[in-house]
C-alpha cells in the first residue's frame, strides 16, 4: 500500500494539526515523542463500550505521547509524563498477533497517530495473519488527511468529541481549533466506514463510536456538541457514547471549576438532551465509572 510520504515525513513532522515541524529523528515533537515507536501497555482491556470489549476484552495497545494537553487526562503518565518502552514495527506486529491469540475481539490502538509510519508498517506486517477488526481510538484531534490514509487499515473509529467551545478546548486541552478539526475528522471517519456493522454476537465489526465526556459545569457545551451531531451527521451512521467518568486527574486542581466530580444531575440533564434530540443509538455510562481503578496500570505489560 502506498501512502503520502510528505505527510508522514518525520524529519519535519506535520502528522497532526499542531504542524510542529520538528525533526523527530533528532528531537521530540509537540506530542512529546521522537520518531521511534513507544508504548506503555498491550493487554486485554474490558472497560471499553460493550460492543468493543465483548466478553474476552479488546486487545488494547496504549501508545506514549499525545498531541493534546488535557489538564484532566486519566492517562497522563503516558500522554504527558513519558512512560513507555521503545518498540520496532516488527515488535508491534508480533504484539498484535499475540493479542489475537489471547482471544482479543479486536486490536485497539490508543493515541497512535503521532507514530503513524511505524504503526502502518506493523499493520502491514501483521495483516496476512490478523483476522480481527482494528480500532483507532483517539482524542478526535486528527487531520482528515490522516484519516484518509487509514482507510485500508482501520475498521472501527473510536474518537472523542470533547468540546464545541474554542474557549474550553484552549483552556483545558491547549487546542483552540479542536472542534473545527475534530468535527471534520469525524465526518471523514463516518464517510469511510459507513453505518455500524455488528456480528452475530453483537460485537462491532465496522463503524464509528463518538465519545463525549460530560465535564463539570459544561452542560451548555455538551448541548452544543449534541446539537451539532444531530444537525450534521446522518442518522444511523454512528453510535454515541455519553461518558460520565470524569475524575479530577493530573492538573485539574489548577482549574477550580472542574476540580470536582460530575454530579448525577449534570450528567442526567445532558443524557435527557441527547434523548430529546433522538440520539439514542449508543451507550450511556453509570456514574460508578468515575473511579481511578478504571485506569489501567501503565507498567509495560505485554511489551516483552
C-alpha atoms as a PDB file:
ATOM      1  CA  UNK A   1       0.000   0.000   0.000  1.00  0.00           C
ATOM      2  CA  UNK A   2       1.356   3.435  -0.990  1.00  0.00           C
ATOM      3  CA  UNK A   3       0.734   6.497   1.139  1.00  0.00           C
ATOM      4  CA  UNK A   4       1.554  10.196   1.123  1.00  0.00           C
ATOM      5  CA  UNK A   5       5.217  10.245   2.133  1.00  0.00           C
ATOM      6  CA  UNK A   6       5.237  14.019   2.549  1.00  0.00           C
ATOM      7  CA  UNK A   7       2.584  13.859   5.276  1.00  0.00           C
ATOM      8  CA  UNK A   8       4.436  11.034   7.003  1.00  0.00           C
ATOM      9  CA  UNK A   9       7.856  12.723   6.862  1.00  0.00           C
ATOM     10  CA  UNK A  10       9.191  12.515  10.406  1.00  0.00           C
ATOM     11  CA  UNK A  11      12.076  14.916   9.679  1.00  0.00           C
ATOM     12  CA  UNK A  12       9.588  17.794   9.528  1.00  0.00           C
ATOM     13  CA  UNK A  13       6.571  16.453  11.362  1.00  0.00           C
ATOM     14  CA  UNK A  14       3.130  17.585  10.283  1.00  0.00           C
ATOM     15  CA  UNK A  15       1.269  14.417  11.164  1.00  0.00           C
ATOM     16  CA  UNK A  16      -1.163  16.193  13.470  1.00  0.00           C
ATOM     17  CA  UNK A  17      -2.928  19.574  13.456  1.00  0.00           C
ATOM     18  CA  UNK A  18      -0.111  21.110  15.515  1.00  0.00           C
ATOM     19  CA  UNK A  19       2.149  21.078  12.428  1.00  0.00           C
ATOM     20  CA  UNK A  20       5.115  21.481  14.763  1.00  0.00           C
ATOM     21  CA  UNK A  21       7.650  20.756  12.025  1.00  0.00           C
ATOM     22  CA  UNK A  22      10.032  19.006  14.430  1.00  0.00           C
ATOM     23  CA  UNK A  23      12.712  16.715  13.070  1.00  0.00           C
ATOM     24  CA  UNK A  24      11.573  13.794  15.170  1.00  0.00           C
ATOM     25  CA  UNK A  25      14.525  11.688  14.109  1.00  0.00           C
ATOM     26  CA  UNK A  26      16.539  14.026  16.365  1.00  0.00           C
ATOM     27  CA  UNK A  27      14.191  15.670  18.877  1.00  0.00           C
ATOM     28  CA  UNK A  28      10.731  15.417  20.357  1.00  0.00           C
ATOM     29  CA  UNK A  29       7.722  16.931  18.627  1.00  0.00           C
ATOM     30  CA  UNK A  30       4.781  18.671  20.257  1.00  0.00           C
ATOM     31  CA  UNK A  31       3.457  15.204  21.080  1.00  0.00           C
ATOM     32  CA  UNK A  32       6.469  14.674  23.347  1.00  0.00           C
ATOM     33  CA  UNK A  33       7.848  11.840  21.231  1.00  0.00           C
ATOM     34  CA  UNK A  34      10.648  11.214  18.781  1.00  0.00           C
ATOM     35  CA  UNK A  35      10.172   9.089  15.667  1.00  0.00           C
ATOM     36  CA  UNK A  36      10.899   5.789  17.456  1.00  0.00           C
ATOM     37  CA  UNK A  37       7.707   3.986  18.404  1.00  0.00           C
ATOM     38  CA  UNK A  38       6.985   3.779  22.148  1.00  0.00           C
ATOM     39  CA  UNK A  39       4.159   2.036  24.009  1.00  0.00           C
ATOM     40  CA  UNK A  40       3.211   1.643  27.670  1.00  0.00           C
ATOM     41  CA  UNK A  41       0.849  -1.337  27.736  1.00  0.00           C
ATOM     42  CA  UNK A  42      -0.565  -4.050  25.476  1.00  0.00           C
ATOM     43  CA  UNK A  43      -3.223  -6.247  27.069  1.00  0.00           C
ATOM     44  CA  UNK A  44      -6.837  -7.360  27.021  1.00  0.00           C
ATOM     45  CA  UNK A  45      -8.943  -4.421  28.184  1.00  0.00           C
ATOM     46  CA  UNK A  46     -12.502  -4.816  29.496  1.00  0.00           C
ATOM     47  CA  UNK A  47     -13.571  -1.208  30.065  1.00  0.00           C
ATOM     48  CA  UNK A  48     -14.475  -0.061  26.556  1.00  0.00           C
ATOM     49  CA  UNK A  49     -18.034   0.033  25.207  1.00  0.00           C
ATOM     50  CA  UNK A  50     -19.698  -3.429  25.347  1.00  0.00           C
ATOM     51  CA  UNK A  51     -19.550  -3.911  21.581  1.00  0.00           C
ATOM     52  CA  UNK A  52     -15.777  -3.337  21.696  1.00  0.00           C
ATOM     53  CA  UNK A  53     -14.787  -5.178  24.890  1.00  0.00           C
ATOM     54  CA  UNK A  54     -17.230  -8.058  24.464  1.00  0.00           C
ATOM     55  CA  UNK A  55     -16.666 -10.991  26.805  1.00  0.00           C
ATOM     56  CA  UNK A  56     -12.940 -11.538  26.187  1.00  0.00           C
ATOM     57  CA  UNK A  57     -11.678  -7.982  26.034  1.00  0.00           C
ATOM     58  CA  UNK A  58     -10.260  -5.571  23.499  1.00  0.00           C
ATOM     59  CA  UNK A  59      -6.609  -6.070  22.522  1.00  0.00           C
ATOM     60  CA  UNK A  60      -5.570  -2.608  23.589  1.00  0.00           C
ATOM     61  CA  UNK A  61      -2.196  -1.029  22.857  1.00  0.00           C
ATOM     62  CA  UNK A  62      -1.521   2.264  24.654  1.00  0.00           C
ATOM     63  CA  UNK A  63       0.967   4.495  22.830  1.00  0.00           C
ATOM     64  CA  UNK A  64       3.156   7.034  24.623  1.00  0.00           C
ATOM     65  CA  UNK A  65       2.737  10.763  23.961  1.00  0.00           C
ATOM     66  CA  UNK A  66      -0.225  12.833  22.753  1.00  0.00           C
ATOM     67  CA  UNK A  67      -0.965  15.894  20.620  1.00  0.00           C
ATOM     68  CA  UNK A  68      -3.377  17.287  23.223  1.00  0.00           C
ATOM     69  CA  UNK A  69      -2.622  18.779  26.634  1.00  0.00           C
ATOM     70  CA  UNK A  70      -5.748  17.796  28.557  1.00  0.00           C
ATOM     71  CA  UNK A  71      -5.371  19.031  32.119  1.00  0.00           C
ATOM     72  CA  UNK A  72      -7.631  16.196  33.342  1.00  0.00           C
ATOM     73  CA  UNK A  73      -6.056  13.338  31.367  1.00  0.00           C
ATOM     74  CA  UNK A  74      -6.550   9.964  33.044  1.00  0.00           C
ATOM     75  CA  UNK A  75      -3.607   8.538  31.097  1.00  0.00           C
ATOM     76  CA  UNK A  76      -1.267  11.432  31.897  1.00  0.00           C
ATOM     77  CA  UNK A  77       1.584   9.121  32.895  1.00  0.00           C
ATOM     78  CA  UNK A  78       1.923   8.059  29.271  1.00  0.00           C
ATOM     79  CA  UNK A  79       0.404  11.015  27.431  1.00  0.00           C
ATOM     80  CA  UNK A  80       2.434  13.725  29.154  1.00  0.00           C
ATOM     81  CA  UNK A  81       4.948  12.211  31.569  1.00  0.00           C
ATOM     82  CA  UNK A  82       6.872   9.972  29.211  1.00  0.00           C
ATOM     83  CA  UNK A  83       6.187   6.435  30.413  1.00  0.00           C
ATOM     84  CA  UNK A  84       6.840   3.916  27.664  1.00  0.00           C
ATOM     85  CA  UNK A  85       9.110   1.376  26.020  1.00  0.00           C
ATOM     86  CA  UNK A  86      10.701   1.569  22.580  1.00  0.00           C
ATOM     87  CA  UNK A  87       9.472  -0.980  20.040  1.00  0.00           C
ATOM     88  CA  UNK A  88      10.163  -1.744  16.408  1.00  0.00           C
ATOM     89  CA  UNK A  89       7.291  -2.147  13.918  1.00  0.00           C
ATOM     90  CA  UNK A  90       8.152  -5.860  13.895  1.00  0.00           C
ATOM     91  CA  UNK A  91       7.717  -5.995  17.704  1.00  0.00           C
ATOM     92  CA  UNK A  92       4.372  -4.235  17.395  1.00  0.00           C
ATOM     93  CA  UNK A  93       3.139  -6.604  14.695  1.00  0.00           C
ATOM     94  CA  UNK A  94       4.016  -9.552  16.951  1.00  0.00           C
ATOM     95  CA  UNK A  95       2.100  -7.918  19.808  1.00  0.00           C
ATOM     96  CA  UNK A  96      -0.991  -7.565  17.596  1.00  0.00           C
ATOM     97  CA  UNK A  97      -0.861 -11.252  16.729  1.00  0.00           C
ATOM     98  CA  UNK A  98      -0.238 -12.272  20.335  1.00  0.00           C
ATOM     99  CA  UNK A  99      -3.292 -10.308  21.481  1.00  0.00           C
ATOM    100  CA  UNK A 100      -5.330 -12.049  18.799  1.00  0.00           C
ATOM    101  CA  UNK A 101      -4.090 -15.427  20.090  1.00  0.00           C
ATOM    102  CA  UNK A 102      -5.135 -14.409  23.621  1.00  0.00           C
ATOM    103  CA  UNK A 103      -8.711 -14.054  22.386  1.00  0.00           C
ATOM    104  CA  UNK A 104      -8.973 -10.283  21.787  1.00  0.00           C
ATOM    105  CA  UNK A 105     -12.078  -9.260  19.887  1.00  0.00           C
ATOM    106  CA  UNK A 106     -10.124  -6.508  18.127  1.00  0.00           C
ATOM    107  CA  UNK A 107      -6.830  -4.608  18.092  1.00  0.00           C
ATOM    108  CA  UNK A 108      -7.374  -1.256  19.808  1.00  0.00           C
ATOM    109  CA  UNK A 109      -4.809   1.457  19.003  1.00  0.00           C
ATOM    110  CA  UNK A 110      -4.976   4.159  21.687  1.00  0.00           C
ATOM    111  CA  UNK A 111      -3.476   7.519  20.693  1.00  0.00           C
ATOM    112  CA  UNK A 112      -1.341   6.124  17.875  1.00  0.00           C
ATOM    113  CA  UNK A 113      -1.475   8.963  15.342  1.00  0.00           C
ATOM    114  CA  UNK A 114       1.904  10.531  16.071  1.00  0.00           C
ATOM    115  CA  UNK A 115       3.560   7.153  15.344  1.00  0.00           C
ATOM    116  CA  UNK A 116       1.638   6.569  12.137  1.00  0.00           C
ATOM    117  CA  UNK A 117       4.512   5.463   9.850  1.00  0.00           C
ATOM    118  CA  UNK A 118       5.598   2.716  12.273  1.00  0.00           C
ATOM    119  CA  UNK A 119       2.010   1.691  13.046  1.00  0.00           C
ATOM    120  CA  UNK A 120       1.174   1.341   9.360  1.00  0.00           C
ATOM    121  CA  UNK A 121       4.246  -0.817   8.837  1.00  0.00           C
ATOM    122  CA  UNK A 122       3.270  -3.018  11.793  1.00  0.00           C
ATOM    123  CA  UNK A 123      -0.257  -3.426  10.431  1.00  0.00           C
ATOM    124  CA  UNK A 124       1.145  -4.334   7.011  1.00  0.00           C
ATOM    125  CA  UNK A 125       3.355  -6.990   8.615  1.00  0.00           C
ATOM    126  CA  UNK A 126       0.508  -8.433  10.701  1.00  0.00           C
ATOM    127  CA  UNK A 127      -2.179  -8.188   8.046  1.00  0.00           C
ATOM    128  CA  UNK A 128      -1.791 -11.657   6.473  1.00  0.00           C
ATOM    129  CA  UNK A 129      -2.479 -13.309   9.855  1.00  0.00           C
ATOM    130  CA  UNK A 130      -4.657 -10.682  11.548  1.00  0.00           C
ATOM    131  CA  UNK A 131      -8.340 -11.634  11.333  1.00  0.00           C
ATOM    132  CA  UNK A 132      -9.967  -9.289  13.858  1.00  0.00           C
ATOM    133  CA  UNK A 133     -11.008  -5.641  13.402  1.00  0.00           C
ATOM    134  CA  UNK A 134      -8.601  -2.769  14.034  1.00  0.00           C
ATOM    135  CA  UNK A 135      -9.873   0.079  16.222  1.00  0.00           C
ATOM    136  CA  UNK A 136      -8.417   3.593  16.006  1.00  0.00           C
ATOM    137  CA  UNK A 137      -9.021   5.108  19.445  1.00  0.00           C
ATOM    138  CA  UNK A 138      -8.167   8.818  19.560  1.00  0.00           C
ATOM    139  CA  UNK A 139      -8.874  12.208  21.088  1.00  0.00           C
ATOM    140  CA  UNK A 140     -10.502  13.403  17.869  1.00  0.00           C
ATOM    141  CA  UNK A 141      -7.760  15.933  17.133  1.00  0.00           C
ATOM    142  CA  UNK A 142      -6.673  14.333  13.871  1.00  0.00           C
ATOM    143  CA  UNK A 143      -6.107  15.642  10.377  1.00  0.00           C
ATOM    144  CA  UNK A 144      -8.761  14.414   7.910  1.00  0.00           C
ATOM    145  CA  UNK A 145      -5.883  13.579   5.539  1.00  0.00           C
ATOM    146  CA  UNK A 146      -4.509  11.163   8.143  1.00  0.00           C
ATOM    147  CA  UNK A 147      -7.916   9.504   8.432  1.00  0.00           C
ATOM    148  CA  UNK A 148      -7.865   9.048   4.657  1.00  0.00           C
ATOM    149  CA  UNK A 149      -4.502   7.261   4.911  1.00  0.00           C
ATOM    150  CA  UNK A 150      -6.005   4.878   7.489  1.00  0.00           C
ATOM    151  CA  UNK A 151      -8.821   3.806   5.160  1.00  0.00           C
ATOM    152  CA  UNK A 152      -7.392   0.383   4.315  1.00  0.00           C
ATOM    153  CA  UNK A 153      -6.081  -0.302   7.827  1.00  0.00           C
ATOM    154  CA  UNK A 154      -8.847   0.655  10.268  1.00  0.00           C
ATOM    155  CA  UNK A 155     -12.285  -0.913  10.627  1.00  0.00           C
ATOM    156  CA  UNK A 156     -13.625   0.960  13.659  1.00  0.00           C
ATOM    157  CA  UNK A 157     -13.036   4.546  14.772  1.00  0.00           C
ATOM    158  CA  UNK A 158     -13.436   5.493  18.420  1.00  0.00           C
ATOM    159  CA  UNK A 159     -12.883   9.289  18.544  1.00  0.00           C
ATOM    160  CA  UNK A 160     -13.653  11.757  21.285  1.00  0.00           C
ATOM    161  CA  UNK A 161     -15.621  14.880  20.502  1.00  0.00           C
ATOM    162  CA  UNK A 162     -14.573  16.702  23.645  1.00  0.00           C
ATOM    163  CA  UNK A 163     -15.673  20.299  23.129  1.00  0.00           C
ATOM    164  CA  UNK A 164     -17.645  22.683  20.966  1.00  0.00           C
ATOM    165  CA  UNK A 165     -16.291  25.882  22.512  1.00  0.00           C
ATOM    166  CA  UNK A 166     -12.788  27.017  21.450  1.00  0.00           C
ATOM    167  CA  UNK A 167     -12.508  28.763  24.814  1.00  0.00           C
ATOM    168  CA  UNK A 168     -12.896  25.479  26.693  1.00  0.00           C
ATOM    169  CA  UNK A 169     -10.721  23.460  24.323  1.00  0.00           C
ATOM    170  CA  UNK A 170      -7.969  26.051  24.571  1.00  0.00           C
ATOM    171  CA  UNK A 171      -8.204  26.278  28.353  1.00  0.00           C
ATOM    172  CA  UNK A 172      -8.340  22.563  29.141  1.00  0.00           C
ATOM    173  CA  UNK A 173      -6.525  20.948  26.186  1.00  0.00           C
ATOM    174  CA  UNK A 174      -4.386  23.690  24.663  1.00  0.00           C
ATOM    175  CA  UNK A 175      -6.168  23.456  21.297  1.00  0.00           C
ATOM    176  CA  UNK A 176      -8.362  26.393  20.332  1.00  0.00           C
ATOM    177  CA  UNK A 177      -9.103  24.804  16.945  1.00  0.00           C
ATOM    178  CA  UNK A 178     -10.155  21.480  18.465  1.00  0.00           C
ATOM    179  CA  UNK A 179     -13.787  21.436  17.316  1.00  0.00           C
ATOM    180  CA  UNK A 180     -13.126  22.658  13.781  1.00  0.00           C
ATOM    181  CA  UNK A 181     -10.541  19.885  13.339  1.00  0.00           C
ATOM    182  CA  UNK A 182     -12.318  17.065  15.189  1.00  0.00           C
ATOM    183  CA  UNK A 183     -15.674  17.668  13.532  1.00  0.00           C
ATOM    184  CA  UNK A 184     -14.102  17.366  10.065  1.00  0.00           C
ATOM    185  CA  UNK A 185     -12.183  14.241  11.013  1.00  0.00           C
ATOM    186  CA  UNK A 186     -15.227  12.529  12.499  1.00  0.00           C
ATOM    187  CA  UNK A 187     -17.255  13.276   9.375  1.00  0.00           C
ATOM    188  CA  UNK A 188     -14.414  11.724   7.340  1.00  0.00           C
ATOM    189  CA  UNK A 189     -14.402   8.635   9.567  1.00  0.00           C
ATOM    190  CA  UNK A 190     -18.138   8.137   9.058  1.00  0.00           C
ATOM    191  CA  UNK A 191     -17.943   8.587   5.289  1.00  0.00           C
ATOM    192  CA  UNK A 192     -15.180   5.986   5.271  1.00  0.00           C
ATOM    193  CA  UNK A 193     -16.814   3.245   7.364  1.00  0.00           C
ATOM    194  CA  UNK A 194     -20.488   3.719   6.612  1.00  0.00           C
ATOM    195  CA  UNK A 195     -23.162   2.693   9.088  1.00  0.00           C
ATOM    196  CA  UNK A 196     -22.185   0.474  12.057  1.00  0.00           C
ATOM    197  CA  UNK A 197     -21.997  -3.250  11.298  1.00  0.00           C
ATOM    198  CA  UNK A 198     -22.278  -5.880  14.058  1.00  0.00           C
ATOM    199  CA  UNK A 199     -21.574  -9.592  14.100  1.00  0.00           C
ATOM    200  CA  UNK A 200     -23.901 -12.295  15.428  1.00  0.00           C
ATOM    201  CA  UNK A 201     -22.542 -11.747  18.958  1.00  0.00           C
ATOM    202  CA  UNK A 202     -23.333  -8.037  18.928  1.00  0.00           C
ATOM    203  CA  UNK A 203     -19.685  -7.002  18.542  1.00  0.00           C
ATOM    204  CA  UNK A 204     -18.907  -4.047  16.320  1.00  0.00           C
ATOM    205  CA  UNK A 205     -17.081  -5.064  13.143  1.00  0.00           C
ATOM    206  CA  UNK A 206     -17.121  -1.726  11.329  1.00  0.00           C
ATOM    207  CA  UNK A 207     -18.254   1.805  12.119  1.00  0.00           C
ATOM    208  CA  UNK A 208     -17.761   4.858  14.327  1.00  0.00           C
ATOM    209  CA  UNK A 209     -18.451   5.390  18.022  1.00  0.00           C
ATOM    210  CA  UNK A 210     -18.316   9.066  19.024  1.00  0.00           C
ATOM    211  CA  UNK A 211     -17.395   9.571  22.663  1.00  0.00           C
ATOM    212  CA  UNK A 212     -18.325  12.691  24.577  1.00  0.00           C
ATOM    213  CA  UNK A 213     -17.360  13.050  28.234  1.00  0.00           C
ATOM    214  CA  UNK A 214     -19.508  15.497  30.158  1.00  0.00           C
ATOM    215  CA  UNK A 215     -17.374  17.954  32.133  1.00  0.00           C
ATOM    216  CA  UNK A 216     -18.386  19.646  35.384  1.00  0.00           C
ATOM    217  CA  UNK A 217     -20.068  22.978  34.732  1.00  0.00           C
ATOM    218  CA  UNK A 218     -20.094  22.485  30.960  1.00  0.00           C
ATOM    219  CA  UNK A 219     -23.631  21.320  30.210  1.00  0.00           C
ATOM    220  CA  UNK A 220     -24.121  24.082  27.640  1.00  0.00           C
ATOM    221  CA  UNK A 221     -21.053  22.972  25.744  1.00  0.00           C
ATOM    222  CA  UNK A 222     -22.221  19.343  25.818  1.00  0.00           C
ATOM    223  CA  UNK A 223     -25.569  20.511  24.467  1.00  0.00           C
ATOM    224  CA  UNK A 224     -23.817  22.342  21.616  1.00  0.00           C
ATOM    225  CA  UNK A 225     -21.863  19.188  20.763  1.00  0.00           C
ATOM    226  CA  UNK A 226     -25.054  17.113  20.705  1.00  0.00           C
ATOM    227  CA  UNK A 227     -26.880  19.630  18.523  1.00  0.00           C
ATOM    228  CA  UNK A 228     -24.003  19.670  16.048  1.00  0.00           C
ATOM    229  CA  UNK A 229     -24.052  15.872  15.875  1.00  0.00           C
ATOM    230  CA  UNK A 230     -27.800  15.854  15.309  1.00  0.00           C
ATOM    231  CA  UNK A 231     -27.685  18.560  12.637  1.00  0.00           C
ATOM    232  CA  UNK A 232     -24.606  17.432  10.716  1.00  0.00           C
ATOM    233  CA  UNK A 233     -24.180  13.656  10.850  1.00  0.00           C
ATOM    234  CA  UNK A 234     -26.517  11.232   9.052  1.00  0.00           C
ATOM    235  CA  UNK A 235     -28.916   9.395  11.332  1.00  0.00           C
ATOM    236  CA  UNK A 236     -27.860   5.805  11.913  1.00  0.00           C
ATOM    237  CA  UNK A 237     -24.295   6.420  10.696  1.00  0.00           C
ATOM    238  CA  UNK A 238     -22.629   6.309  14.137  1.00  0.00           C
ATOM    239  CA  UNK A 239     -23.058   5.310  17.761  1.00  0.00           C
ATOM    240  CA  UNK A 240     -22.902   7.883  20.570  1.00  0.00           C
ATOM    241  CA  UNK A 241     -21.152   7.059  23.834  1.00  0.00           C
ATOM    242  CA  UNK A 242     -22.004   9.601  26.522  1.00  0.00           C
ATOM    243  CA  UNK A 243     -19.427   9.360  29.312  1.00  0.00           C
ATOM    244  CA  UNK A 244     -19.891  10.249  32.970  1.00  0.00           C
ATOM    245  CA  UNK A 245     -16.444   9.066  34.062  1.00  0.00           C
ATOM    246  CA  UNK A 246     -14.825  12.481  34.574  1.00  0.00           C
ATOM    247  CA  UNK A 247     -12.483  12.383  37.555  1.00  0.00           C
ATOM    248  CA  UNK A 248     -10.206  15.263  38.650  1.00  0.00           C
ATOM    249  CA  UNK A 249      -6.849  13.900  37.493  1.00  0.00           C
ATOM    250  CA  UNK A 250      -3.459  15.379  36.762  1.00  0.00           C
ATOM    251  CA  UNK A 251      -3.651  19.211  36.716  1.00  0.00           C
ATOM    252  CA  UNK A 252      -7.380  19.585  37.364  1.00  0.00           C
ATOM    253  CA  UNK A 253      -6.635  21.249  40.697  1.00  0.00           C
ATOM    254  CA  UNK A 254      -5.355  24.267  38.756  1.00  0.00           C
ATOM    255  CA  UNK A 255      -8.861  24.791  37.356  1.00  0.00           C
ATOM    256  CA  UNK A 256     -11.276  25.163  40.296  1.00  0.00           C
ATOM    257  CA  UNK A 257     -14.405  24.875  38.147  1.00  0.00           C
ATOM    258  CA  UNK A 258     -13.541  21.287  37.127  1.00  0.00           C
ATOM    259  CA  UNK A 259     -11.720  20.195  40.269  1.00  0.00           C
ATOM    260  CA  UNK A 260     -14.657  18.037  41.340  1.00  0.00           C
ATOM    261  CA  UNK A 261     -16.642  15.017  40.235  1.00  0.00           C
ATOM    262  CA  UNK A 262     -19.512  15.356  37.812  1.00  0.00           C
ATOM    263  CA  UNK A 263     -22.892  15.369  39.536  1.00  0.00           C
ATOM    264  CA  UNK A 264     -25.658  12.938  38.655  1.00  0.00           C
ATOM    265  CA  UNK A 265     -27.874  15.924  37.862  1.00  0.00           C
ATOM    266  CA  UNK A 266     -25.383  17.308  35.325  1.00  0.00           C
ATOM    267  CA  UNK A 267     -24.987  14.005  33.544  1.00  0.00           C
ATOM    268  CA  UNK A 268     -28.695  13.229  33.529  1.00  0.00           C
ATOM    269  CA  UNK A 269     -29.537  16.631  32.011  1.00  0.00           C
ATOM    270  CA  UNK A 270     -27.111  16.008  29.144  1.00  0.00           C
ATOM    271  CA  UNK A 271     -28.478  12.487  28.729  1.00  0.00           C
ATOM    272  CA  UNK A 272     -32.032  13.892  28.578  1.00  0.00           C
ATOM    273  CA  UNK A 273     -30.885  16.344  25.911  1.00  0.00           C
ATOM    274  CA  UNK A 274     -29.434  13.518  23.822  1.00  0.00           C
ATOM    275  CA  UNK A 275     -32.671  11.546  24.094  1.00  0.00           C
ATOM    276  CA  UNK A 276     -34.778  14.600  23.189  1.00  0.00           C
ATOM    277  CA  UNK A 277     -32.661  15.009  20.034  1.00  0.00           C
ATOM    278  CA  UNK A 278     -33.200  11.361  19.110  1.00  0.00           C
ATOM    279  CA  UNK A 279     -29.561  10.426  19.722  1.00  0.00           C
ATOM    280  CA  UNK A 280     -30.467   7.092  21.254  1.00  0.00           C
ATOM    281  CA  UNK A 281     -28.245   4.699  19.306  1.00  0.00           C
ATOM    282  CA  UNK A 282     -25.260   4.062  21.541  1.00  0.00           C
ATOM    283  CA  UNK A 283     -24.276   3.949  25.176  1.00  0.00           C
ATOM    284  CA  UNK A 284     -24.696   5.759  28.445  1.00  0.00           C
ATOM    285  CA  UNK A 285     -22.369   5.260  31.390  1.00  0.00           C
ATOM    286  CA  UNK A 286     -23.133   4.584  35.028  1.00  0.00           C
ATOM    287  CA  UNK A 287     -21.788   7.184  37.456  1.00  0.00           C
ATOM    288  CA  UNK A 288     -19.809   4.416  39.178  1.00  0.00           C
ATOM    289  CA  UNK A 289     -17.436   4.559  36.212  1.00  0.00           C
ATOM    290  CA  UNK A 290     -15.842   7.723  37.623  1.00  0.00           C
ATOM    291  CA  UNK A 291     -13.175   5.830  39.514  1.00  0.00           C
ATOM    292  CA  UNK A 292      -9.413   5.778  39.293  1.00  0.00           C
ATOM    293  CA  UNK A 293      -9.320   1.984  39.199  1.00  0.00           C
ATOM    294  CA  UNK A 294     -10.753   2.052  35.678  1.00  0.00           C
ATOM    295  CA  UNK A 295      -7.430   3.487  34.501  1.00  0.00           C
ATOM    296  CA  UNK A 296      -5.092   0.549  33.772  1.00  0.00           C
ATOM    297  CA  UNK A 297      -1.582   0.362  35.235  1.00  0.00           C
ATOM    298  CA  UNK A 298       0.983   1.540  32.701  1.00  0.00           C
ATOM    299  CA  UNK A 299       3.612  -0.963  33.714  1.00  0.00           C
ATOM    300  CA  UNK A 300       4.749  -2.052  30.227  1.00  0.00           C
ATOM    301  CA  UNK A 301       2.602  -5.184  30.416  1.00  0.00           C
ATOM    302  CA  UNK A 302       2.583  -7.199  27.201  1.00  0.00           C
ATOM    303  CA  UNK A 303       5.545  -5.406  25.626  1.00  0.00           C
ATOM    304  CA  UNK A 304       8.221  -8.030  26.229  1.00  0.00           C
END
